[in-house]
Structure formats: C-alpha cells, structure tokens
C-alpha cells in the first residue's frame, strides 16, 4: 500500500493548510495534523516514499503530481499540528485512480 497526502493546488487562493511548493509538481513543505505527521515519521524511518495527490483547481485537473521522501517532521508547540518537509522528488503527473472525499487529507491505496 502507498500512502497519499491530499493537498490543494498551489494556485488555489484559499488553502486549507499552509503549503510550500517548488513548482507545480514538487511539494517542498506542508503544515498538517499530528496524525499525518506521525505517519510521515514512520515512512521516513522505513525509507518509504509517499505520493502527493494535488486536487483540481479551475481547469487544472487533479494529479498524482509526485512521489517523494520525507526529509523532516517538526511537531508544533500546540502538539496538534506539524510541518513536514520533503525531498528526492520523482515527478509523476498521473491521473488519480480515486477521488478523495471532501476534507480528506490522506489515504492509502
């Protein structure tokens, strides 16, 4: 099973979370929940990649834009949020095989 994080397109003016992109396909950093951050720590510790499911925005279709490694995880002072950094990107730009439910931030497939 592959772990997917779901993020809004970088051009969406109303992001659900603060994310930093290198370009349209490579995600540099996300702000997320502690639960997702803990899963990312597990992936990092096992040297397993994750995939980024970028949602549709306007005429830009949804995409599995890249596969990457977790470079670092920092739990925030509130203990509930975290930042996760990525590296070693492989641009995929694949059509997603599933559509996440509204508000869904991750899934395994």
N, C-alpha and C. Protein backbone atom coordinates (compact mmCIF):
# COMPACT_ATOMS: atom_id res chain seq x y z
N UNK A 1 0.84 -1.18 0.00
CA UNK A 1 0.00 0.00 0.00
C UNK A 1 0.88 1.25 0.00
N UNK A 2 0.47 2.23 -0.77
CA UNK A 2 1.17 3.50 -0.84
C UNK A 2 0.37 4.54 -0.07
N UNK A 3 1.06 5.39 0.66
CA UNK A 3 0.43 6.47 1.41
C UNK A 3 0.38 7.71 0.52
N UNK A 4 -0.79 8.33 0.44
CA UNK A 4 -1.01 9.54 -0.35
C UNK A 4 -1.43 10.67 0.58
N UNK A 5 -0.84 11.85 0.39
CA UNK A 5 -1.36 13.04 1.05
C UNK A 5 -2.13 13.83 0.01
N UNK A 6 -3.21 14.46 0.42
CA UNK A 6 -4.07 15.22 -0.47
C UNK A 6 -3.86 16.70 -0.16
N UNK A 7 -3.46 17.46 -1.17
CA UNK A 7 -3.21 18.89 -0.99
C UNK A 7 -3.93 19.69 -2.08
N UNK A 8 -4.32 20.89 -1.73
CA UNK A 8 -4.94 21.77 -2.71
C UNK A 8 -3.88 22.27 -3.69
N UNK A 9 -4.33 22.58 -4.90
CA UNK A 9 -3.44 23.09 -5.94
C UNK A 9 -2.76 24.35 -5.44
N UNK A 10 -1.52 24.54 -5.82
CA UNK A 10 -0.76 25.70 -5.32
C UNK A 10 -1.36 27.04 -5.72
N UNK A 11 -2.18 27.08 -6.78
CA UNK A 11 -2.80 28.33 -7.21
C UNK A 11 -4.13 28.60 -6.53
N UNK A 12 -4.62 27.68 -5.73
CA UNK A 12 -5.87 27.89 -5.01
C UNK A 12 -5.65 29.00 -3.99
N UNK A 13 -6.43 30.09 -4.08
CA UNK A 13 -6.20 31.23 -3.19
C UNK A 13 -6.68 31.00 -1.76
N UNK A 14 -7.38 29.89 -1.52
CA UNK A 14 -7.90 29.60 -0.19
C UNK A 14 -7.36 28.24 0.26
N UNK A 15 -6.09 28.20 0.63
CA UNK A 15 -5.53 26.91 1.05
C UNK A 15 -6.10 26.47 2.40
N UNK A 16 -6.32 25.17 2.54
CA UNK A 16 -6.80 24.63 3.82
C UNK A 16 -5.66 24.67 4.84
N UNK A 17 -4.43 24.45 4.36
CA UNK A 17 -3.23 24.45 5.19
C UNK A 17 -2.15 25.23 4.45
N UNK A 18 -1.16 25.69 5.18
CA UNK A 18 -0.05 26.40 4.56
C UNK A 18 0.92 25.38 3.97
N UNK A 19 1.08 25.41 2.66
CA UNK A 19 1.99 24.51 1.95
C UNK A 19 2.98 25.33 1.14
N UNK A 20 4.14 24.78 0.91
CA UNK A 20 5.16 25.44 0.10
C UNK A 20 5.53 24.52 -1.06
N UNK A 21 5.44 25.03 -2.27
CA UNK A 21 5.73 24.27 -3.48
C UNK A 21 7.03 24.77 -4.11
N UNK A 22 7.76 23.87 -4.75
CA UNK A 22 8.92 24.26 -5.56
C UNK A 22 8.48 24.64 -6.96
N UNK A 23 7.47 23.92 -7.46
CA UNK A 23 6.87 24.18 -8.77
C UNK A 23 5.51 23.49 -8.77
N UNK A 24 4.86 23.36 -9.92
CA UNK A 24 3.52 22.77 -9.97
C UNK A 24 3.47 21.31 -9.54
N UNK A 25 4.58 20.61 -9.56
CA UNK A 25 4.57 19.19 -9.27
C UNK A 25 5.32 18.75 -8.02
N UNK A 26 6.19 19.60 -7.49
CA UNK A 26 7.01 19.19 -6.35
C UNK A 26 6.66 20.01 -5.11
N UNK A 27 6.22 19.30 -4.11
CA UNK A 27 5.83 19.89 -2.83
C UNK A 27 7.04 19.92 -1.90
N UNK A 28 7.37 21.08 -1.39
CA UNK A 28 8.54 21.23 -0.51
C UNK A 28 8.18 20.99 0.96
N UNK A 29 7.06 21.58 1.42
CA UNK A 29 6.70 21.53 2.84
C UNK A 29 5.19 21.66 3.00
N UNK A 30 4.65 20.96 4.00
CA UNK A 30 3.24 21.10 4.33
C UNK A 30 3.10 21.39 5.82
N UNK A 31 1.99 22.00 6.17
CA UNK A 31 1.54 22.08 7.55
C UNK A 31 0.37 21.10 7.62
N UNK A 32 0.34 20.27 8.66
CA UNK A 32 -0.65 19.21 8.71
C UNK A 32 -0.98 18.84 10.16
N UNK A 33 -1.78 17.80 10.29
CA UNK A 33 -2.15 17.31 11.61
C UNK A 33 -1.04 16.45 12.20
N UNK A 34 -1.07 16.28 13.48
CA UNK A 34 -0.10 15.42 14.16
C UNK A 34 -0.20 13.98 13.65
N UNK A 35 -1.41 13.49 13.40
CA UNK A 35 -1.59 12.11 12.93
C UNK A 35 -0.90 11.87 11.59
N UNK A 36 -1.07 12.81 10.67
CA UNK A 36 -0.39 12.66 9.37
C UNK A 36 1.11 12.78 9.55
N UNK A 37 1.55 13.70 10.40
CA UNK A 37 2.98 13.85 10.66
C UNK A 37 3.57 12.56 11.23
N UNK A 38 2.85 11.90 12.12
CA UNK A 38 3.33 10.64 12.69
C UNK A 38 3.45 9.56 11.63
N UNK A 39 2.51 9.51 10.69
CA UNK A 39 2.61 8.56 9.58
C UNK A 39 3.82 8.90 8.72
N UNK A 40 4.07 10.19 8.51
CA UNK A 40 5.24 10.61 7.73
C UNK A 40 6.54 10.22 8.44
N UNK A 41 6.58 10.31 9.76
CA UNK A 41 7.76 9.87 10.51
C UNK A 41 8.01 8.38 10.29
N UNK A 42 6.95 7.61 10.31
CA UNK A 42 7.06 6.17 10.06
C UNK A 42 7.62 5.90 8.66
N UNK A 43 7.12 6.64 7.67
CA UNK A 43 7.62 6.47 6.30
C UNK A 43 9.10 6.85 6.22
N UNK A 44 9.46 7.95 6.86
CA UNK A 44 10.87 8.38 6.85
C UNK A 44 11.76 7.32 7.49
N UNK A 45 11.34 6.81 8.64
CA UNK A 45 12.14 5.82 9.36
C UNK A 45 12.30 4.52 8.58
N UNK A 46 11.32 4.21 7.73
CA UNK A 46 11.38 3.00 6.91
C UNK A 46 11.87 3.26 5.49
N UNK A 47 12.29 4.51 5.22
CA UNK A 47 12.77 4.92 3.89
C UNK A 47 11.75 4.61 2.80
N UNK A 48 10.47 4.80 3.12
CA UNK A 48 9.39 4.58 2.15
C UNK A 48 8.91 5.92 1.59
N UNK A 49 8.64 5.98 0.31
CA UNK A 49 8.13 7.22 -0.27
C UNK A 49 6.63 7.39 -0.02
N UNK A 50 6.15 8.58 -0.26
CA UNK A 50 4.72 8.84 -0.29
C UNK A 50 4.41 9.53 -1.60
N UNK A 51 3.14 9.60 -1.93
CA UNK A 51 2.71 10.28 -3.16
C UNK A 51 1.84 11.47 -2.81
N UNK A 52 1.90 12.48 -3.67
CA UNK A 52 1.16 13.71 -3.46
C UNK A 52 0.00 13.77 -4.45
N UNK A 53 -1.22 13.79 -3.91
CA UNK A 53 -2.44 13.93 -4.70
C UNK A 53 -2.83 15.40 -4.66
N UNK A 54 -2.59 16.09 -5.77
CA UNK A 54 -2.92 17.52 -5.89
C UNK A 54 -4.34 17.64 -6.44
N UNK A 55 -5.20 18.37 -5.77
CA UNK A 55 -6.59 18.48 -6.18
C UNK A 55 -6.76 19.39 -7.41
N UNK A 56 -7.92 19.30 -8.00
CA UNK A 56 -8.25 20.12 -9.16
C UNK A 56 -8.43 21.57 -8.73
N UNK A 57 -8.07 22.48 -9.64
CA UNK A 57 -8.33 23.89 -9.41
C UNK A 57 -8.63 24.51 -10.77
N UNK A 58 -9.84 25.04 -10.93
CA UNK A 58 -10.24 25.62 -12.21
C UNK A 58 -10.14 24.57 -13.31
N UNK A 59 -9.40 24.88 -14.36
CA UNK A 59 -9.23 23.94 -15.47
C UNK A 59 -8.07 22.98 -15.25
N UNK A 60 -7.33 23.17 -14.18
CA UNK A 60 -6.20 22.28 -13.87
C UNK A 60 -6.74 21.02 -13.20
N UNK A 61 -6.54 19.89 -13.84
CA UNK A 61 -7.09 18.63 -13.39
C UNK A 61 -6.33 18.10 -12.17
N UNK A 62 -6.98 17.23 -11.39
CA UNK A 62 -6.27 16.62 -10.27
C UNK A 62 -5.14 15.74 -10.78
N UNK A 63 -4.15 15.53 -9.94
CA UNK A 63 -2.98 14.77 -10.38
C UNK A 63 -2.28 14.12 -9.19
N UNK A 64 -1.73 12.95 -9.44
CA UNK A 64 -0.73 12.41 -8.52
C UNK A 64 0.55 13.03 -9.06
N UNK A 65 0.89 14.18 -8.51
CA UNK A 65 1.94 15.00 -9.13
C UNK A 65 3.35 14.50 -8.88
N UNK A 66 3.58 13.88 -7.71
CA UNK A 66 4.94 13.39 -7.46
C UNK A 66 4.96 12.32 -6.39
N UNK A 67 6.09 11.66 -6.34
CA UNK A 67 6.42 10.75 -5.26
C UNK A 67 7.66 11.36 -4.61
N UNK A 68 7.75 11.30 -3.29
CA UNK A 68 8.89 11.91 -2.61
C UNK A 68 9.16 11.21 -1.29
N UNK A 69 10.28 11.59 -0.69
CA UNK A 69 10.68 11.08 0.61
C UNK A 69 10.41 12.15 1.66
N UNK A 70 10.16 11.73 2.86
CA UNK A 70 10.01 12.65 3.98
C UNK A 70 11.41 13.02 4.46
N UNK A 71 11.72 14.30 4.43
CA UNK A 71 13.04 14.78 4.85
C UNK A 71 13.06 15.14 6.33
N UNK A 72 11.95 15.62 6.85
CA UNK A 72 11.90 16.02 8.25
C UNK A 72 10.50 16.29 8.72
N UNK A 73 10.28 16.13 10.01
CA UNK A 73 8.98 16.38 10.63
C UNK A 73 9.21 17.18 11.91
N UNK A 74 8.44 18.25 12.07
CA UNK A 74 8.52 19.06 13.29
C UNK A 74 7.11 19.23 13.85
N UNK A 75 6.89 18.69 15.05
CA UNK A 75 5.60 18.86 15.72
C UNK A 75 5.56 20.27 16.30
N UNK A 76 4.43 20.96 16.07
CA UNK A 76 4.28 22.33 16.53
C UNK A 76 4.13 22.43 18.04
N UNK A 77 4.26 23.64 18.57
CA UNK A 77 4.17 23.85 20.03
C UNK A 77 2.80 23.49 20.60
N UNK A 78 1.76 23.49 19.76
CA UNK A 78 0.43 23.12 20.25
C UNK A 78 0.26 21.61 20.37
N UNK A 79 1.21 20.85 19.81
CA UNK A 79 1.15 19.40 19.87
C UNK A 79 0.15 18.77 18.93
N UNK A 80 -0.60 19.58 18.21
CA UNK A 80 -1.64 19.07 17.32
C UNK A 80 -1.33 19.26 15.84
N UNK A 81 -0.47 20.23 15.53
CA UNK A 81 -0.09 20.48 14.14
C UNK A 81 1.40 20.24 13.98
N UNK A 82 1.80 20.11 12.72
CA UNK A 82 3.21 19.83 12.43
C UNK A 82 3.55 20.33 11.04
N UNK A 83 4.85 20.48 10.79
CA UNK A 83 5.33 20.73 9.43
C UNK A 83 6.10 19.49 9.00
N UNK A 84 5.94 19.16 7.73
CA UNK A 84 6.63 18.01 7.14
C UNK A 84 7.35 18.52 5.90
N UNK A 85 8.63 18.21 5.78
CA UNK A 85 9.43 18.61 4.62
C UNK A 85 9.75 17.39 3.77
N UNK A 86 9.86 17.62 2.46
CA UNK A 86 10.08 16.54 1.51
C UNK A 86 11.33 16.77 0.67
N UNK A 87 11.88 15.68 0.13
CA UNK A 87 12.99 15.76 -0.82
C UNK A 87 12.96 14.53 -1.71
N UNK A 88 13.95 14.41 -2.58
CA UNK A 88 14.06 13.28 -3.51
C UNK A 88 12.77 13.05 -4.31
N UNK A 89 12.33 14.09 -4.99
CA UNK A 89 11.09 14.04 -5.74
C UNK A 89 11.25 13.28 -7.04
N UNK A 90 10.20 12.59 -7.41
CA UNK A 90 10.09 11.99 -8.73
C UNK A 90 8.75 12.49 -9.28
N UNK A 91 8.81 13.33 -10.31
CA UNK A 91 7.58 13.88 -10.89
C UNK A 91 6.84 12.76 -11.61
N UNK A 92 5.56 12.60 -11.29
CA UNK A 92 4.74 11.54 -11.88
C UNK A 92 3.68 12.10 -12.83
N UNK A 93 2.94 13.10 -12.37
CA UNK A 93 1.87 13.71 -13.15
C UNK A 93 0.90 12.67 -13.71
N UNK A 94 0.40 11.80 -12.81
CA UNK A 94 -0.52 10.73 -13.18
C UNK A 94 -1.96 11.11 -12.85
N UNK A 95 -2.89 10.59 -13.60
CA UNK A 95 -4.30 10.78 -13.27
C UNK A 95 -4.62 9.94 -12.03
N UNK A 96 -5.27 10.51 -11.04
CA UNK A 96 -5.61 9.75 -9.83
C UNK A 96 -6.60 8.63 -10.16
N UNK A 97 -6.45 7.51 -9.48
CA UNK A 97 -7.36 6.39 -9.66
C UNK A 97 -8.59 6.51 -8.77
N UNK A 98 -8.55 7.43 -7.81
CA UNK A 98 -9.69 7.65 -6.93
C UNK A 98 -9.78 9.12 -6.58
N UNK A 99 -10.96 9.52 -6.14
CA UNK A 99 -11.18 10.89 -5.69
C UNK A 99 -11.37 10.87 -4.18
N UNK A 100 -10.55 11.61 -3.46
CA UNK A 100 -10.73 11.64 -2.01
C UNK A 100 -12.04 12.34 -1.65
N UNK A 101 -12.60 11.97 -0.52
CA UNK A 101 -13.81 12.62 -0.03
C UNK A 101 -13.48 14.07 0.34
N UNK A 102 -14.47 14.91 0.30
CA UNK A 102 -14.28 16.31 0.66
C UNK A 102 -13.69 16.39 2.07
N UNK A 103 -12.60 17.12 2.22
CA UNK A 103 -11.94 17.27 3.51
C UNK A 103 -10.94 16.17 3.85
N UNK A 104 -10.86 15.14 3.02
CA UNK A 104 -9.92 14.05 3.28
C UNK A 104 -8.50 14.52 2.99
N UNK A 105 -7.59 14.31 3.94
CA UNK A 105 -6.23 14.80 3.81
C UNK A 105 -5.21 13.74 3.42
N UNK A 106 -5.61 12.47 3.52
CA UNK A 106 -4.70 11.39 3.16
C UNK A 106 -5.48 10.11 2.91
N UNK A 107 -4.83 9.15 2.29
CA UNK A 107 -5.41 7.82 2.08
C UNK A 107 -4.30 6.85 1.70
N UNK A 108 -4.63 5.57 1.76
CA UNK A 108 -3.71 4.53 1.30
C UNK A 108 -4.38 3.77 0.17
N UNK A 109 -3.58 3.42 -0.82
CA UNK A 109 -4.13 2.67 -1.96
C UNK A 109 -3.03 1.81 -2.54
